[in-house]
Amino acid sequence: MTERLTTRHGATLTSTGLRNPEEVVELWTDAQGDWTMVIAYASGTSCIVAMGEHWATRLPQDPA
């Protein structure tokens, strides 16, 4: 999955998060704003769960 996302789609791994002890959610984005969300399982397999366009990174806002 990593090779396909990087070589065929020009994507880079932008962020990750632990969904549970057995699953990591990965967000892959490219320079045009296309994005792919992947779940990587502890077993070594992975699955694309969502894709889209126009991804924009936002900085956290100061609550004060």
N, C-alpha and C. Protein backbone atom coordinates (compact mmCIF):
# COMPACT_ATOMS: atom_id res chain seq x y z
N MET A 1 0.83 -1.18 0.00
CA MET A 1 0.00 0.00 0.00
C MET A 1 0.88 1.25 0.00
N THR A 2 1.92 1.24 0.84
CA THR A 2 2.81 2.40 0.92
C THR A 2 3.45 2.68 -0.43
N GLU A 3 3.95 1.64 -1.08
CA GLU A 3 4.61 1.83 -2.38
C GLU A 3 3.63 2.39 -3.41
N ARG A 4 2.42 1.87 -3.45
CA ARG A 4 1.44 2.35 -4.41
C ARG A 4 1.08 3.81 -4.15
N LEU A 5 0.85 4.18 -2.90
CA LEU A 5 0.48 5.55 -2.59
C LEU A 5 1.60 6.53 -2.91
N THR A 6 2.85 6.13 -2.66
CA THR A 6 3.96 7.05 -2.90
C THR A 6 4.37 7.11 -4.36
N THR A 7 4.48 5.96 -5.03
CA THR A 7 4.98 5.98 -6.41
C THR A 7 3.89 6.27 -7.44
N ARG A 8 2.74 5.71 -7.29
CA ARG A 8 1.67 5.93 -8.29
C ARG A 8 0.88 7.21 -8.07
N HIS A 9 0.74 7.60 -6.82
CA HIS A 9 -0.12 8.74 -6.52
C HIS A 9 0.64 9.95 -5.98
N GLY A 10 1.93 9.81 -5.73
CA GLY A 10 2.73 10.92 -5.24
C GLY A 10 2.33 11.39 -3.84
N ALA A 11 1.74 10.50 -3.06
CA ALA A 11 1.26 10.87 -1.72
C ALA A 11 2.34 10.68 -0.68
N THR A 12 2.21 11.43 0.40
CA THR A 12 3.09 11.26 1.55
C THR A 12 2.22 11.05 2.79
N LEU A 13 2.76 10.32 3.73
CA LEU A 13 2.06 10.07 4.98
C LEU A 13 2.08 11.36 5.78
N THR A 14 0.89 11.93 6.01
CA THR A 14 0.77 13.24 6.65
C THR A 14 0.55 13.13 8.14
N SER A 15 -0.28 12.19 8.56
CA SER A 15 -0.55 12.03 9.99
C SER A 15 -1.05 10.63 10.29
N THR A 16 -0.94 10.26 11.56
CA THR A 16 -1.39 8.94 12.00
C THR A 16 -2.09 9.07 13.35
N GLY A 17 -2.91 8.09 13.65
CA GLY A 17 -3.56 8.05 14.95
C GLY A 17 -3.91 6.61 15.31
N LEU A 18 -3.85 6.31 16.57
CA LEU A 18 -4.16 4.97 17.05
C LEU A 18 -5.67 4.84 17.22
N ARG A 19 -6.27 3.91 16.50
CA ARG A 19 -7.70 3.67 16.61
C ARG A 19 -7.99 2.72 17.76
N ASN A 20 -7.19 1.71 17.89
CA ASN A 20 -7.19 0.78 19.02
C ASN A 20 -5.84 0.07 19.00
N PRO A 21 -5.54 -0.80 19.94
CA PRO A 21 -4.20 -1.42 19.97
C PRO A 21 -3.84 -2.21 18.71
N GLU A 22 -4.83 -2.56 17.90
CA GLU A 22 -4.58 -3.37 16.70
C GLU A 22 -4.67 -2.58 15.39
N GLU A 23 -5.05 -1.29 15.44
CA GLU A 23 -5.29 -0.52 14.21
C GLU A 23 -4.73 0.90 14.30
N VAL A 24 -4.04 1.30 13.24
CA VAL A 24 -3.54 2.67 13.11
C VAL A 24 -4.22 3.30 11.90
N VAL A 25 -4.75 4.50 12.08
CA VAL A 25 -5.34 5.26 10.98
C VAL A 25 -4.24 6.14 10.40
N GLU A 26 -4.09 6.09 9.08
CA GLU A 26 -3.08 6.90 8.38
C GLU A 26 -3.77 7.84 7.41
N LEU A 27 -3.30 9.07 7.34
CA LEU A 27 -3.79 10.02 6.36
C LEU A 27 -2.67 10.33 5.38
N TRP A 28 -2.91 10.04 4.12
CA TRP A 28 -1.95 10.28 3.03
C TRP A 28 -2.48 11.43 2.19
N THR A 29 -1.62 12.39 1.85
CA THR A 29 -2.03 13.52 1.02
C THR A 29 -1.00 13.74 -0.09
N ASP A 30 -1.45 14.40 -1.15
CA ASP A 30 -0.51 14.78 -2.21
C ASP A 30 -0.52 16.30 -2.38
N ALA A 31 0.34 16.81 -3.24
CA ALA A 31 0.50 18.25 -3.42
C ALA A 31 -0.74 18.93 -3.99
N GLN A 32 -1.62 18.18 -4.66
CA GLN A 32 -2.83 18.76 -5.24
C GLN A 32 -4.00 18.78 -4.26
N GLY A 33 -3.81 18.22 -3.06
CA GLY A 33 -4.86 18.21 -2.06
C GLY A 33 -5.70 16.94 -2.05
N ASP A 34 -5.36 15.95 -2.89
CA ASP A 34 -6.06 14.67 -2.83
C ASP A 34 -5.62 13.95 -1.55
N TRP A 35 -6.54 13.22 -0.93
CA TRP A 35 -6.22 12.53 0.31
C TRP A 35 -6.79 11.12 0.31
N THR A 36 -6.13 10.26 1.08
CA THR A 36 -6.53 8.88 1.25
C THR A 36 -6.39 8.51 2.71
N MET A 37 -7.44 7.93 3.29
CA MET A 37 -7.39 7.46 4.67
C MET A 37 -7.27 5.94 4.65
N VAL A 38 -6.28 5.43 5.36
CA VAL A 38 -5.96 4.01 5.38
C VAL A 38 -6.00 3.52 6.83
N ILE A 39 -6.51 2.31 7.03
CA ILE A 39 -6.35 1.66 8.32
C ILE A 39 -5.31 0.56 8.15
N ALA A 40 -4.26 0.64 8.96
CA ALA A 40 -3.20 -0.38 8.97
C ALA A 40 -3.40 -1.26 10.19
N TYR A 41 -3.49 -2.55 9.95
CA TYR A 41 -3.75 -3.52 11.01
C TYR A 41 -2.44 -4.13 11.52
N ALA A 42 -2.45 -4.55 12.77
CA ALA A 42 -1.27 -5.17 13.38
C ALA A 42 -0.84 -6.42 12.63
N SER A 43 -1.76 -7.05 11.92
CA SER A 43 -1.44 -8.26 11.16
C SER A 43 -0.55 -7.98 9.95
N GLY A 44 -0.41 -6.68 9.60
CA GLY A 44 0.40 -6.31 8.44
C GLY A 44 -0.42 -5.95 7.22
N THR A 45 -1.72 -6.16 7.26
CA THR A 45 -2.58 -5.77 6.15
C THR A 45 -3.06 -4.35 6.35
N SER A 46 -3.58 -3.75 5.28
CA SER A 46 -4.13 -2.40 5.36
C SER A 46 -5.29 -2.28 4.39
N CYS A 47 -6.12 -1.26 4.61
CA CYS A 47 -7.32 -1.08 3.82
C CYS A 47 -7.61 0.41 3.66
N ILE A 48 -7.92 0.83 2.42
CA ILE A 48 -8.36 2.20 2.19
C ILE A 48 -9.81 2.30 2.65
N VAL A 49 -10.09 3.27 3.52
CA VAL A 49 -11.44 3.44 4.04
C VAL A 49 -12.14 4.69 3.51
N ALA A 50 -11.37 5.65 2.98
CA ALA A 50 -11.97 6.86 2.42
C ALA A 50 -10.96 7.57 1.54
N MET A 51 -11.47 8.32 0.55
CA MET A 51 -10.63 9.12 -0.34
C MET A 51 -11.38 10.40 -0.66
N GLY A 52 -10.64 11.44 -1.02
CA GLY A 52 -11.30 12.68 -1.38
C GLY A 52 -10.33 13.70 -1.97
N GLU A 53 -10.81 14.92 -2.09
CA GLU A 53 -10.04 16.01 -2.68
C GLU A 53 -10.05 17.22 -1.75
N HIS A 54 -9.18 18.18 -2.06
CA HIS A 54 -9.14 19.49 -1.41
C HIS A 54 -8.83 19.40 0.08
N TRP A 55 -7.90 18.53 0.47
CA TRP A 55 -7.50 18.47 1.86
C TRP A 55 -6.79 19.77 2.23
N ALA A 56 -7.12 20.31 3.39
CA ALA A 56 -6.48 21.54 3.88
C ALA A 56 -6.08 21.33 5.33
N THR A 57 -4.84 21.59 5.65
CA THR A 57 -4.37 21.48 7.02
C THR A 57 -4.66 22.78 7.74
N ARG A 58 -5.25 22.65 8.91
CA ARG A 58 -5.60 23.83 9.70
C ARG A 58 -4.82 23.79 11.01
N LEU A 59 -4.37 24.95 11.43
CA LEU A 59 -3.67 25.06 12.70
C LEU A 59 -4.69 25.17 13.82
N PRO A 60 -4.37 24.63 15.00
CA PRO A 60 -5.29 24.74 16.13
C PRO A 60 -5.53 26.21 16.50
N GLN A 61 -6.75 26.52 16.88
CA GLN A 61 -7.09 27.88 17.29
C GLN A 61 -6.89 28.03 18.80
N ASP A 62 -6.39 29.16 19.21
CA ASP A 62 -6.22 29.46 20.63
C ASP A 62 -7.61 29.72 21.24
N PRO A 63 -8.01 28.95 22.27
CA PRO A 63 -9.35 29.11 22.81
C PRO A 63 -9.56 30.42 23.57
N ALA A 64 -8.47 31.12 23.90
CA ALA A 64 -8.61 32.35 24.70
C ALA A 64 -8.99 33.54 23.89
